[in-house]
Amino acid sequence: VLRAQLDQPLHNFTLCLRSYSHLSRP
């Protein structure tokens, strides 16, 4: 669970992450 201080709705956003997985399923 990630907790963010969101004061107002988002009209724009950017999401970034780095992942490493062997999964072939969804």
mmCIF file of all heavy atoms, coordinates in Angstrom:
data_MODEL
# 
_entry.id   MODEL 
# 
loop_
_atom_site.group_PDB 
_atom_site.id 
_atom_site.type_symbol 
_atom_site.label_atom_id 
_atom_site.label_alt_id 
_atom_site.label_comp_id 
_atom_site.label_asym_id 
_atom_site.label_entity_id 
_atom_site.label_seq_id 
_atom_site.pdbx_PDB_ins_code 
_atom_site.Cartn_x 
_atom_site.Cartn_y 
_atom_site.Cartn_z 
_atom_site.occupancy 
_atom_site.B_iso_or_equiv 
_atom_site.pdbx_formal_charge 
_atom_site.auth_seq_id 
_atom_site.auth_comp_id 
_atom_site.auth_asym_id 
_atom_site.auth_atom_id 
_atom_site.pdbx_PDB_model_num 
ATOM 1   N N   . VAL A 1 1  ? 0.863   -1.188  0.000   1.00 0.00 ? 1  VAL A N   1 
ATOM 2   C CA  . VAL A 1 1  ? 0.000   0.000   0.000   1.00 0.00 ? 1  VAL A CA  1 
ATOM 3   C C   . VAL A 1 1  ? 0.896   1.235   0.000   1.00 0.00 ? 1  VAL A C   1 
ATOM 4   O O   . VAL A 1 1  ? 1.810   1.336   0.825   1.00 0.00 ? 1  VAL A O   1 
ATOM 5   C CB  . VAL A 1 1  ? -0.906  0.024   1.253   1.00 0.00 ? 1  VAL A CB  1 
ATOM 6   C CG1 . VAL A 1 1  ? -1.839  1.232   1.213   1.00 0.00 ? 1  VAL A CG1 1 
ATOM 7   C CG2 . VAL A 1 1  ? -1.698  -1.276  1.373   1.00 0.00 ? 1  VAL A CG2 1 
ATOM 8   N N   . LEU A 1 2  ? 0.630   2.169   -0.919  1.00 0.00 ? 2  LEU A N   1 
ATOM 9   C CA  . LEU A 1 2  ? 1.379   3.424   -0.986  1.00 0.00 ? 2  LEU A CA  1 
ATOM 10  C C   . LEU A 1 2  ? 0.472   4.567   -0.541  1.00 0.00 ? 2  LEU A C   1 
ATOM 11  O O   . LEU A 1 2  ? -0.675  4.651   -0.973  1.00 0.00 ? 2  LEU A O   1 
ATOM 12  C CB  . LEU A 1 2  ? 1.864   3.699   -2.413  1.00 0.00 ? 2  LEU A CB  1 
ATOM 13  C CG  . LEU A 1 2  ? 2.656   2.581   -3.092  1.00 0.00 ? 2  LEU A CG  1 
ATOM 14  C CD1 . LEU A 1 2  ? 3.119   3.046   -4.465  1.00 0.00 ? 2  LEU A CD1 1 
ATOM 15  C CD2 . LEU A 1 2  ? 3.845   2.156   -2.250  1.00 0.00 ? 2  LEU A CD2 1 
ATOM 16  N N   . ARG A 1 3  ? 1.005   5.432   0.324   1.00 0.00 ? 3  ARG A N   1 
ATOM 17  C CA  . ARG A 1 3  ? 0.207   6.560   0.797   1.00 0.00 ? 3  ARG A CA  1 
ATOM 18  C C   . ARG A 1 3  ? 0.762   7.856   0.219   1.00 0.00 ? 3  ARG A C   1 
ATOM 19  O O   . ARG A 1 3  ? 1.944   8.157   0.367   1.00 0.00 ? 3  ARG A O   1 
ATOM 20  C CB  . ARG A 1 3  ? 0.227   6.605   2.320   1.00 0.00 ? 3  ARG A CB  1 
ATOM 21  C CG  . ARG A 1 3  ? -0.274  5.294   2.928   1.00 0.00 ? 3  ARG A CG  1 
ATOM 22  C CD  . ARG A 1 3  ? -0.746  5.444   4.365   1.00 0.00 ? 3  ARG A CD  1 
ATOM 23  N NE  . ARG A 1 3  ? -0.861  4.179   5.086   1.00 0.00 ? 3  ARG A NE  1 
ATOM 24  C CZ  . ARG A 1 3  ? -1.542  3.122   4.689   1.00 0.00 ? 3  ARG A CZ  1 
ATOM 25  N NH1 . ARG A 1 3  ? -2.165  3.143   3.555   1.00 0.00 ? 3  ARG A NH1 1 
ATOM 26  N NH2 . ARG A 1 3  ? -1.605  2.022   5.412   1.00 0.00 ? 3  ARG A NH2 1 
ATOM 27  N N   . ALA A 1 4  ? -0.112  8.595   -0.458  1.00 0.00 ? 4  ALA A N   1 
ATOM 28  C CA  . ALA A 1 4  ? 0.271   9.876   -1.064  1.00 0.00 ? 4  ALA A CA  1 
ATOM 29  C C   . ALA A 1 4  ? -0.629  10.968  -0.517  1.00 0.00 ? 4  ALA A C   1 
ATOM 30  O O   . ALA A 1 4  ? -1.793  10.720  -0.207  1.00 0.00 ? 4  ALA A O   1 
ATOM 31  C CB  . ALA A 1 4  ? 0.140   9.805   -2.580  1.00 0.00 ? 4  ALA A CB  1 
ATOM 32  N N   . GLN A 1 5  ? -0.086  12.169  -0.392  1.00 0.00 ? 5  GLN A N   1 
ATOM 33  C CA  . GLN A 1 5  ? -0.889  13.319  0.015   1.00 0.00 ? 5  GLN A CA  1 
ATOM 34  C C   . GLN A 1 5  ? -1.487  13.966  -1.238  1.00 0.00 ? 5  GLN A C   1 
ATOM 35  O O   . GLN A 1 5  ? -0.850  14.784  -1.888  1.00 0.00 ? 5  GLN A O   1 
ATOM 36  C CB  . GLN A 1 5  ? -0.010  14.340  0.768   1.00 0.00 ? 5  GLN A CB  1 
ATOM 37  C CG  . GLN A 1 5  ? 0.465   13.834  2.113   1.00 0.00 ? 5  GLN A CG  1 
ATOM 38  C CD  . GLN A 1 5  ? -0.677  13.379  3.023   1.00 0.00 ? 5  GLN A CD  1 
ATOM 39  O OE1 . GLN A 1 5  ? -1.648  14.100  3.197   1.00 0.00 ? 5  GLN A OE1 1 
ATOM 40  N NE2 . GLN A 1 5  ? -0.570  12.195  3.587   1.00 0.00 ? 5  GLN A NE2 1 
ATOM 41  N N   . LEU A 1 6  ? -2.694  13.519  -1.597  1.00 0.00 ? 6  LEU A N   1 
ATOM 42  C CA  . LEU A 1 6  ? -3.380  14.081  -2.763  1.00 0.00 ? 6  LEU A CA  1 
ATOM 43  C C   . LEU A 1 6  ? -4.410  15.076  -2.272  1.00 0.00 ? 6  LEU A C   1 
ATOM 44  O O   . LEU A 1 6  ? -5.417  14.689  -1.680  1.00 0.00 ? 6  LEU A O   1 
ATOM 45  C CB  . LEU A 1 6  ? -4.046  12.953  -3.565  1.00 0.00 ? 6  LEU A CB  1 
ATOM 46  C CG  . LEU A 1 6  ? -3.098  12.149  -4.441  1.00 0.00 ? 6  LEU A CG  1 
ATOM 47  C CD1 . LEU A 1 6  ? -3.567  10.720  -4.574  1.00 0.00 ? 6  LEU A CD1 1 
ATOM 48  C CD2 . LEU A 1 6  ? -2.994  12.789  -5.802  1.00 0.00 ? 6  LEU A CD2 1 
ATOM 49  N N   . ASP A 1 7  ? -4.145  16.357  -2.508  1.00 0.00 ? 7  ASP A N   1 
ATOM 50  C CA  . ASP A 1 7  ? -5.051  17.402  -2.018  1.00 0.00 ? 7  ASP A CA  1 
ATOM 51  C C   . ASP A 1 7  ? -6.192  17.663  -2.990  1.00 0.00 ? 7  ASP A C   1 
ATOM 52  O O   . ASP A 1 7  ? -7.263  18.088  -2.594  1.00 0.00 ? 7  ASP A O   1 
ATOM 53  C CB  . ASP A 1 7  ? -4.274  18.712  -1.788  1.00 0.00 ? 7  ASP A CB  1 
ATOM 54  C CG  . ASP A 1 7  ? -3.071  18.470  -0.887  1.00 0.00 ? 7  ASP A CG  1 
ATOM 55  O OD1 . ASP A 1 7  ? -3.203  17.671  0.051   1.00 0.00 ? 7  ASP A OD1 1 
ATOM 56  O OD2 . ASP A 1 7  ? -2.011  19.064  -1.153  1.00 0.00 ? 7  ASP A OD2 1 
ATOM 57  N N   . GLN A 1 8  ? -5.940  17.437  -4.280  1.00 0.00 ? 8  GLN A N   1 
ATOM 58  C CA  . GLN A 1 8  ? -6.979  17.723  -5.273  1.00 0.00 ? 8  GLN A CA  1 
ATOM 59  C C   . GLN A 1 8  ? -6.892  16.728  -6.417  1.00 0.00 ? 8  GLN A C   1 
ATOM 60  O O   . GLN A 1 8  ? -5.881  16.059  -6.582  1.00 0.00 ? 8  GLN A O   1 
ATOM 61  C CB  . GLN A 1 8  ? -6.825  19.148  -5.787  1.00 0.00 ? 8  GLN A CB  1 
ATOM 62  C CG  . GLN A 1 8  ? -5.455  19.435  -6.347  1.00 0.00 ? 8  GLN A CG  1 
ATOM 63  C CD  . GLN A 1 8  ? -5.067  20.889  -6.115  1.00 0.00 ? 8  GLN A CD  1 
ATOM 64  O OE1 . GLN A 1 8  ? -5.554  21.543  -5.197  1.00 0.00 ? 8  GLN A OE1 1 
ATOM 65  N NE2 . GLN A 1 8  ? -4.189  21.400  -6.944  1.00 0.00 ? 8  GLN A NE2 1 
ATOM 66  N N   . PRO A 1 9  ? -7.973  16.633  -7.206  1.00 0.00 ? 9  PRO A N   1 
ATOM 67  C CA  . PRO A 1 9  ? -7.981  15.711  -8.348  1.00 0.00 ? 9  PRO A CA  1 
ATOM 68  C C   . PRO A 1 9  ? -6.858  16.041  -9.344  1.00 0.00 ? 9  PRO A C   1 
ATOM 69  O O   . PRO A 1 9  ? -6.342  17.156  -9.364  1.00 0.00 ? 9  PRO A O   1 
ATOM 70  C CB  . PRO A 1 9  ? -9.354  15.943  -8.987  1.00 0.00 ? 9  PRO A CB  1 
ATOM 71  C CG  . PRO A 1 9  ? -10.193 16.526  -7.900  1.00 0.00 ? 9  PRO A CG  1 
ATOM 72  C CD  . PRO A 1 9  ? -9.269  17.321  -7.042  1.00 0.00 ? 9  PRO A CD  1 
ATOM 73  N N   . LEU A 1 10 ? -6.500  15.049  -10.151 1.00 0.00 ? 10 LEU A N   1 
ATOM 74  C CA  . LEU A 1 10 ? -5.393  15.191  -11.091 1.00 0.00 ? 10 LEU A CA  1 
ATOM 75  C C   . LEU A 1 10 ? -5.899  15.465  -12.505 1.00 0.00 ? 10 LEU A C   1 
ATOM 76  O O   . LEU A 1 10 ? -6.674  14.681  -13.050 1.00 0.00 ? 10 LEU A O   1 
ATOM 77  C CB  . LEU A 1 10 ? -4.549  13.908  -11.104 1.00 0.00 ? 10 LEU A CB  1 
ATOM 78  C CG  . LEU A 1 10 ? -3.882  13.490  -9.793  1.00 0.00 ? 10 LEU A CG  1 
ATOM 79  C CD1 . LEU A 1 10 ? -3.225  12.121  -9.944  1.00 0.00 ? 10 LEU A CD1 1 
ATOM 80  C CD2 . LEU A 1 10 ? -2.864  14.522  -9.364  1.00 0.00 ? 10 LEU A CD2 1 
ATOM 81  N N   . HIS A 1 11 ? -5.425  16.564  -13.092 1.00 0.00 ? 11 HIS A N   1 
ATOM 82  C CA  . HIS A 1 11 ? -5.704  16.859  -14.506 1.00 0.00 ? 11 HIS A CA  1 
ATOM 83  C C   . HIS A 1 11 ? -4.539  16.413  -15.381 1.00 0.00 ? 11 HIS A C   1 
ATOM 84  O O   . HIS A 1 11 ? -4.672  16.328  -16.600 1.00 0.00 ? 11 HIS A O   1 
ATOM 85  C CB  . HIS A 1 11 ? -5.963  18.358  -14.694 1.00 0.00 ? 11 HIS A CB  1 
ATOM 86  C CG  . HIS A 1 11 ? -7.201  18.828  -13.997 1.00 0.00 ? 11 HIS A CG  1 
ATOM 87  N ND1 . HIS A 1 11 ? -8.420  18.942  -14.625 1.00 0.00 ? 11 HIS A ND1 1 
ATOM 88  C CD2 . HIS A 1 11 ? -7.411  19.185  -12.704 1.00 0.00 ? 11 HIS A CD2 1 
ATOM 89  C CE1 . HIS A 1 11 ? -9.332  19.361  -13.754 1.00 0.00 ? 11 HIS A CE1 1 
ATOM 90  N NE2 . HIS A 1 11 ? -8.739  19.513  -12.580 1.00 0.00 ? 11 HIS A NE2 1 
ATOM 91  N N   . ASN A 1 12 ? -3.402  16.191  -14.752 1.00 0.00 ? 12 ASN A N   1 
ATOM 92  C CA  . ASN A 1 12 ? -2.200  15.681  -15.423 1.00 0.00 ? 12 ASN A CA  1 
ATOM 93  C C   . ASN A 1 12 ? -1.466  14.806  -14.426 1.00 0.00 ? 12 ASN A C   1 
ATOM 94  O O   . ASN A 1 12 ? -1.548  15.048  -13.228 1.00 0.00 ? 12 ASN A O   1 
ATOM 95  C CB  . ASN A 1 12 ? -1.236  16.813  -15.808 1.00 0.00 ? 12 ASN A CB  1 
ATOM 96  C CG  . ASN A 1 12 ? -1.903  17.922  -16.584 1.00 0.00 ? 12 ASN A CG  1 
ATOM 97  O OD1 . ASN A 1 12 ? -2.168  17.799  -17.760 1.00 0.00 ? 12 ASN A OD1 1 
ATOM 98  N ND2 . ASN A 1 12 ? -2.179  19.017  -15.896 1.00 0.00 ? 12 ASN A ND2 1 
ATOM 99  N N   . PHE A 1 13 ? -0.748  13.820  -14.909 1.00 0.00 ? 13 PHE A N   1 
ATOM 100 C CA  . PHE A 1 13 ? 0.138   13.078  -14.014 1.00 0.00 ? 13 PHE A CA  1 
ATOM 101 C C   . PHE A 1 13 ? 1.190   12.343  -14.835 1.00 0.00 ? 13 PHE A C   1 
ATOM 102 O O   . PHE A 1 13 ? 1.035   12.136  -16.042 1.00 0.00 ? 13 PHE A O   1 
ATOM 103 C CB  . PHE A 1 13 ? -0.642  12.090  -13.127 1.00 0.00 ? 13 PHE A CB  1 
ATOM 104 C CG  . PHE A 1 13 ? -1.224  10.917  -13.863 1.00 0.00 ? 13 PHE A CG  1 
ATOM 105 C CD1 . PHE A 1 13 ? -0.459  9.788   -14.149 1.00 0.00 ? 13 PHE A CD1 1 
ATOM 106 C CD2 . PHE A 1 13 ? -2.558  10.921  -14.267 1.00 0.00 ? 13 PHE A CD2 1 
ATOM 107 C CE1 . PHE A 1 13 ? -1.000  8.700   -14.829 1.00 0.00 ? 13 PHE A CE1 1 
ATOM 108 C CE2 . PHE A 1 13 ? -3.102  9.841   -14.943 1.00 0.00 ? 13 PHE A CE2 1 
ATOM 109 C CZ  . PHE A 1 13 ? -2.317  8.729   -15.224 1.00 0.00 ? 13 PHE A CZ  1 
ATOM 110 N N   . THR A 1 14 ? 2.267   11.977  -14.159 1.00 0.00 ? 14 THR A N   1 
ATOM 111 C CA  . THR A 1 14 ? 3.280   11.079  -14.727 1.00 0.00 ? 14 THR A CA  1 
ATOM 112 C C   . THR A 1 14 ? 3.565   9.995   -13.704 1.00 0.00 ? 14 THR A C   1 
ATOM 113 O O   . THR A 1 14 ? 3.772   10.285  -12.528 1.00 0.00 ? 14 THR A O   1 
ATOM 114 C CB  . THR A 1 14 ? 4.588   11.819  -15.052 1.00 0.00 ? 14 THR A CB  1 
ATOM 115 O OG1 . THR A 1 14 ? 4.307   12.921  -15.912 1.00 0.00 ? 14 THR A OG1 1 
ATOM 116 C CG2 . THR A 1 14 ? 5.581   10.889  -15.745 1.00 0.00 ? 14 THR A CG2 1 
ATOM 117 N N   . LEU A 1 15 ? 3.562   8.755   -14.169 1.00 0.00 ? 15 LEU A N   1 
ATOM 118 C CA  . LEU A 1 15 ? 3.857   7.588   -13.343 1.00 0.00 ? 15 LEU A CA  1 
ATOM 119 C C   . LEU A 1 15 ? 5.111   6.936   -13.909 1.00 0.00 ? 15 LEU A C   1 
ATOM 120 O O   . LEU A 1 15 ? 5.189   6.700   -15.113 1.00 0.00 ? 15 LEU A O   1 
ATOM 121 C CB  . LEU A 1 15 ? 2.674   6.621   -13.423 1.00 0.00 ? 15 LEU A CB  1 
ATOM 122 C CG  . LEU A 1 15 ? 2.898   5.165   -13.019 1.00 0.00 ? 15 LEU A CG  1 
ATOM 123 C CD1 . LEU A 1 15 ? 3.174   5.062   -11.530 1.00 0.00 ? 15 LEU A CD1 1 
ATOM 124 C CD2 . LEU A 1 15 ? 1.703   4.314   -13.404 1.00 0.00 ? 15 LEU A CD2 1 
ATOM 125 N N   . CYS A 1 16 ? 6.106   6.679   -13.061 1.00 0.00 ? 16 CYS A N   1 
ATOM 126 C CA  . CYS A 1 16 ? 7.305   5.950   -13.507 1.00 0.00 ? 16 CYS A CA  1 
ATOM 127 C C   . CYS A 1 16 ? 7.606   4.810   -12.542 1.00 0.00 ? 16 CYS A C   1 
ATOM 128 O O   . CYS A 1 16 ? 7.366   4.932   -11.343 1.00 0.00 ? 16 CYS A O   1 
ATOM 129 C CB  . CYS A 1 16 ? 8.525   6.869   -13.572 1.00 0.00 ? 16 CYS A CB  1 
ATOM 130 S SG  . CYS A 1 16 ? 8.452   8.177   -14.811 1.00 0.00 ? 16 CYS A SG  1 
ATOM 131 N N   . LEU A 1 17 ? 8.127   3.724   -13.072 1.00 0.00 ? 17 LEU A N   1 
ATOM 132 C CA  . LEU A 1 17 ? 8.591   2.621   -12.231 1.00 0.00 ? 17 LEU A CA  1 
ATOM 133 C C   . LEU A 1 17 ? 9.535   1.726   -13.019 1.00 0.00 ? 17 LEU A C   1 
ATOM 134 O O   . LEU A 1 17 ? 9.570   1.760   -14.250 1.00 0.00 ? 17 LEU A O   1 
ATOM 135 C CB  . LEU A 1 17 ? 7.418   1.815   -11.665 1.00 0.00 ? 17 LEU A CB  1 
ATOM 136 C CG  . LEU A 1 17 ? 6.401   1.192   -12.618 1.00 0.00 ? 17 LEU A CG  1 
ATOM 137 C CD1 . LEU A 1 17 ? 6.906   -0.135  -13.181 1.00 0.00 ? 17 LEU A CD1 1 
ATOM 138 C CD2 . LEU A 1 17 ? 5.088   0.947   -11.887 1.00 0.00 ? 17 LEU A CD2 1 
ATOM 139 N N   . ARG A 1 18 ? 10.273  0.922   -12.262 1.00 0.00 ? 18 ARG A N   1 
ATOM 140 C CA  . ARG A 1 18 ? 11.210  -0.034  -12.845 1.00 0.00 ? 18 ARG A CA  1 
ATOM 141 C C   . ARG A 1 18 ? 10.802  -1.426  -12.366 1.00 0.00 ? 18 ARG A C   1 
ATOM 142 O O   . ARG A 1 18 ? 10.592  -1.621  -11.166 1.00 0.00 ? 18 ARG A O   1 
ATOM 143 C CB  . ARG A 1 18 ? 12.620  0.299   -12.332 1.00 0.00 ? 18 ARG A CB  1 
ATOM 144 C CG  . ARG A 1 18 ? 13.740  0.120   -13.312 1.00 0.00 ? 18 ARG A CG  1 
ATOM 145 C CD  . ARG A 1 18 ? 15.080  0.513   -12.702 1.00 0.00 ? 18 ARG A CD  1 
ATOM 146 N NE  . ARG A 1 18 ? 15.256  1.940   -12.508 1.00 0.00 ? 18 ARG A NE  1 
ATOM 147 C CZ  . ARG A 1 18 ? 15.716  2.768   -13.444 1.00 0.00 ? 18 ARG A CZ  1 
ATOM 148 N NH1 . ARG A 1 18 ? 16.040  2.318   -14.635 1.00 0.00 ? 18 ARG A NH1 1 
ATOM 149 N NH2 . ARG A 1 18 ? 15.862  4.060   -13.186 1.00 0.00 ? 18 ARG A NH2 1 
ATOM 150 N N   . SER A 1 19 ? 10.691  -2.367  -13.295 1.00 0.00 ? 19 SER A N   1 
ATOM 151 C CA  . SER A 1 19 ? 10.253  -3.718  -12.918 1.00 0.00 ? 19 SER A CA  1 
ATOM 152 C C   . SER A 1 19 ? 11.135  -4.774  -13.575 1.00 0.00 ? 19 SER A C   1 
ATOM 153 O O   . SER A 1 19 ? 11.735  -4.544  -14.632 1.00 0.00 ? 19 SER A O   1 
ATOM 154 C CB  . SER A 1 19 ? 8.791   -3.942  -13.324 1.00 0.00 ? 19 SER A CB  1 
ATOM 155 O OG  . SER A 1 19 ? 8.675   -4.008  -14.735 1.00 0.00 ? 19 SER A OG  1 
ATOM 156 N N   . TYR A 1 20 ? 11.156  -5.934  -12.921 1.00 0.00 ? 20 TYR A N   1 
ATOM 157 C CA  . TYR A 1 20 ? 11.962  -7.058  -13.405 1.00 0.00 ? 20 TYR A CA  1 
ATOM 158 C C   . TYR A 1 20 ? 11.180  -8.319  -13.056 1.00 0.00 ? 20 TYR A C   1 
ATOM 159 O O   . TYR A 1 20 ? 10.967  -8.606  -11.876 1.00 0.00 ? 20 TYR A O   1 
ATOM 160 C CB  . TYR A 1 20 ? 13.310  -7.046  -12.695 1.00 0.00 ? 20 TYR A CB  1 
ATOM 161 C CG  . TYR A 1 20 ? 14.363  -7.987  -13.228 1.00 0.00 ? 20 TYR A CG  1 
ATOM 162 C CD1 . TYR A 1 20 ? 14.259  -8.581  -14.486 1.00 0.00 ? 20 TYR A CD1 1 
ATOM 163 C CD2 . TYR A 1 20 ? 15.482  -8.286  -12.456 1.00 0.00 ? 20 TYR A CD2 1 
ATOM 164 C CE1 . TYR A 1 20 ? 15.248  -9.421  -14.959 1.00 0.00 ? 20 TYR A CE1 1 
ATOM 165 C CE2 . TYR A 1 20 ? 16.477  -9.138  -12.925 1.00 0.00 ? 20 TYR A CE2 1 
ATOM 166 C CZ  . TYR A 1 20 ? 16.358  -9.697  -14.181 1.00 0.00 ? 20 TYR A CZ  1 
ATOM 167 O OH  . TYR A 1 20 ? 17.337  -10.541 -14.642 1.00 0.00 ? 20 TYR A OH  1 
ATOM 168 N N   . SER A 1 21 ? 10.724  -9.042  -14.084 1.00 0.00 ? 21 SER A N   1 
ATOM 169 C CA  . SER A 1 21 ? 9.869   -10.193 -13.828 1.00 0.00 ? 21 SER A CA  1 
ATOM 170 C C   . SER A 1 21 ? 10.033  -11.239 -14.920 1.00 0.00 ? 21 SER A C   1 
ATOM 171 O O   . SER A 1 21 ? 10.308  -10.904 -16.072 1.00 0.00 ? 21 SER A O   1 
ATOM 172 C CB  . SER A 1 21 ? 8.409   -9.743  -13.766 1.00 0.00 ? 21 SER A CB  1 
ATOM 173 O OG  . SER A 1 21 ? 7.565   -10.854 -13.585 1.00 0.00 ? 21 SER A OG  1 
ATOM 174 N N   . HIS A 1 22 ? 9.836   -12.499 -14.535 1.00 0.00 ? 22 HIS A N   1 
ATOM 175 C CA  . HIS A 1 22 ? 9.855   -13.610 -15.498 1.00 0.00 ? 22 HIS A CA  1 
ATOM 176 C C   . HIS A 1 22 ? 8.451   -13.902 -16.028 1.00 0.00 ? 22 HIS A C   1 
ATOM 177 O O   . HIS A 1 22 ? 8.280   -14.810 -16.823 1.00 0.00 ? 22 HIS A O   1 
ATOM 178 C CB  . HIS A 1 22 ? 10.371  -14.870 -14.782 1.00 0.00 ? 22 HIS A CB  1 
ATOM 179 C CG  . HIS A 1 22 ? 9.452   -15.275 -13.672 1.00 0.00 ? 22 HIS A CG  1 
ATOM 180 N ND1 . HIS A 1 22 ? 9.579   -14.768 -12.388 1.00 0.00 ? 22 HIS A ND1 1 
ATOM 181 C CD2 . HIS A 1 22 ? 8.356   -16.071 -13.656 1.00 0.00 ? 22 HIS A CD2 1 
ATOM 182 C CE1 . HIS A 1 22 ? 8.598   -15.264 -11.632 1.00 0.00 ? 22 HIS A CE1 1 
ATOM 183 N NE2 . HIS A 1 22 ? 7.844   -16.051 -12.375 1.00 0.00 ? 22 HIS A NE2 1 
ATOM 184 N N   . LEU A 1 23 ? 7.446   -13.177 -15.551 1.00 0.00 ? 23 LEU A N   1 
ATOM 185 C CA  . LEU A 1 23 ? 6.063   -13.566 -15.822 1.00 0.00 ? 23 LEU A CA  1 
ATOM 186 C C   . LEU A 1 23 ? 5.706   -13.453 -17.301 1.00 0.00 ? 23 LEU A C   1 
ATOM 187 O O   . LEU A 1 23 ? 6.030   -12.470 -17.953 1.00 0.00 ? 23 LEU A O   1 
ATOM 188 C CB  . LEU A 1 23 ? 5.089   -12.685 -15.030 1.00 0.00 ? 23 LEU A CB  1 
ATOM 189 C CG  . LEU A 1 23 ? 5.105   -12.832 -13.505 1.00 0.00 ? 23 LEU A CG  1 
ATOM 190 C CD1 . LEU A 1 23 ? 4.172   -11.800 -12.884 1.00 0.00 ? 23 LEU A CD1 1 
ATOM 191 C CD2 . LEU A 1 23 ? 4.681   -14.240 -13.099 1.00 0.00 ? 23 LEU A CD2 1 
ATOM 192 N N   . SER A 1 24 ? 4.998   -14.467 -17.815 1.00 0.00 ? 24 SER A N   1 
ATOM 193 C CA  . SER A 1 24 ? 4.409   -14.347 -19.151 1.00 0.00 ? 24 SER A CA  1 
ATOM 194 C C   . SER A 1 24 ? 2.890   -14.173 -19.064 1.00 0.00 ? 24 SER A C   1 
ATOM 195 O O   . SER A 1 24 ? 2.257   -13.784 -20.029 1.00 0.00 ? 24 SER A O   1 
ATOM 196 C CB  . SER A 1 24 ? 4.760   -15.566 -20.003 1.00 0.00 ? 24 SER A CB  1 
ATOM 197 O OG  . SER A 1 24 ? 4.407   -16.746 -19.320 1.00 0.00 ? 24 SER A OG  1 
ATOM 198 N N   . ARG A 1 25 ? 2.316   -14.444 -17.879 1.00 0.00 ? 25 ARG A N   1 
ATOM 199 C CA  . ARG A 1 25 ? 0.878   -14.235 -17.701 1.00 0.00 ? 25 ARG A CA  1 
ATOM 200 C C   . ARG A 1 25 ? 0.588   -12.750 -17.421 1.00 0.00 ? 25 ARG A C   1 
ATOM 201 O O   . ARG A 1 25 ? 1.509   -11.979 -17.123 1.00 0.00 ? 25 ARG A O   1 
ATOM 202 C CB  . ARG A 1 25 ? 0.353   -15.117 -16.561 1.00 0.00 ? 25 ARG A CB  1 
ATOM 203 C CG  . ARG A 1 25 ? 0.966   -14.810 -15.223 1.00 0.00 ? 25 ARG A CG  1 
ATOM 204 C CD  . ARG A 1 25 ? 0.212   -15.455 -14.075 1.00 0.00 ? 25 ARG A CD  1 
ATOM 205 N NE  . ARG A 1 25 ? 0.887   -15.268 -12.799 1.00 0.00 ? 25 ARG A NE  1 
ATOM 206 C CZ  . ARG A 1 25 ? 0.884   -14.143 -12.098 1.00 0.00 ? 25 ARG A CZ  1 
ATOM 207 N NH1 . ARG A 1 25 ? 0.257   -13.068 -12.560 1.00 0.00 ? 25 ARG A NH1 1 
ATOM 208 N NH2 . ARG A 1 25 ? 1.526   -14.065 -10.950 1.00 0.00 ? 25 ARG A NH2 1 
ATOM 209 N N   . PRO A 1 26 ? -0.701  -12.354 -17.500 1.00 0.00 ? 26 PRO A N   1 
ATOM 210 C CA  . PRO A 1 26 ? -1.043  -10.952 -17.209 1.00 0.00 ? 26 PRO A CA  1 
ATOM 211 C C   . PRO A 1 26 ? -0.678  -10.571 -15.779 1.00 0.00 ? 26 PRO A C   1 
ATOM 212 O O   . PRO A 1 26 ? -0.804  -11.383 -14.863 1.00 0.00 ? 26 PRO A O   1 
ATOM 213 C CB  . PRO A 1 26 ? -2.570  -10.911 -17.387 1.00 0.00 ? 26 PRO A CB  1 
ATOM 214 C CG  . PRO A 1 26 ? -2.899  -12.083 -18.244 1.00 0.00 ? 26 PRO A CG  1 
ATOM 215 C CD  . PRO A 1 26 ? -1.886  -13.135 -17.923 1.00 0.00 ? 26 PRO A CD  1 
# 
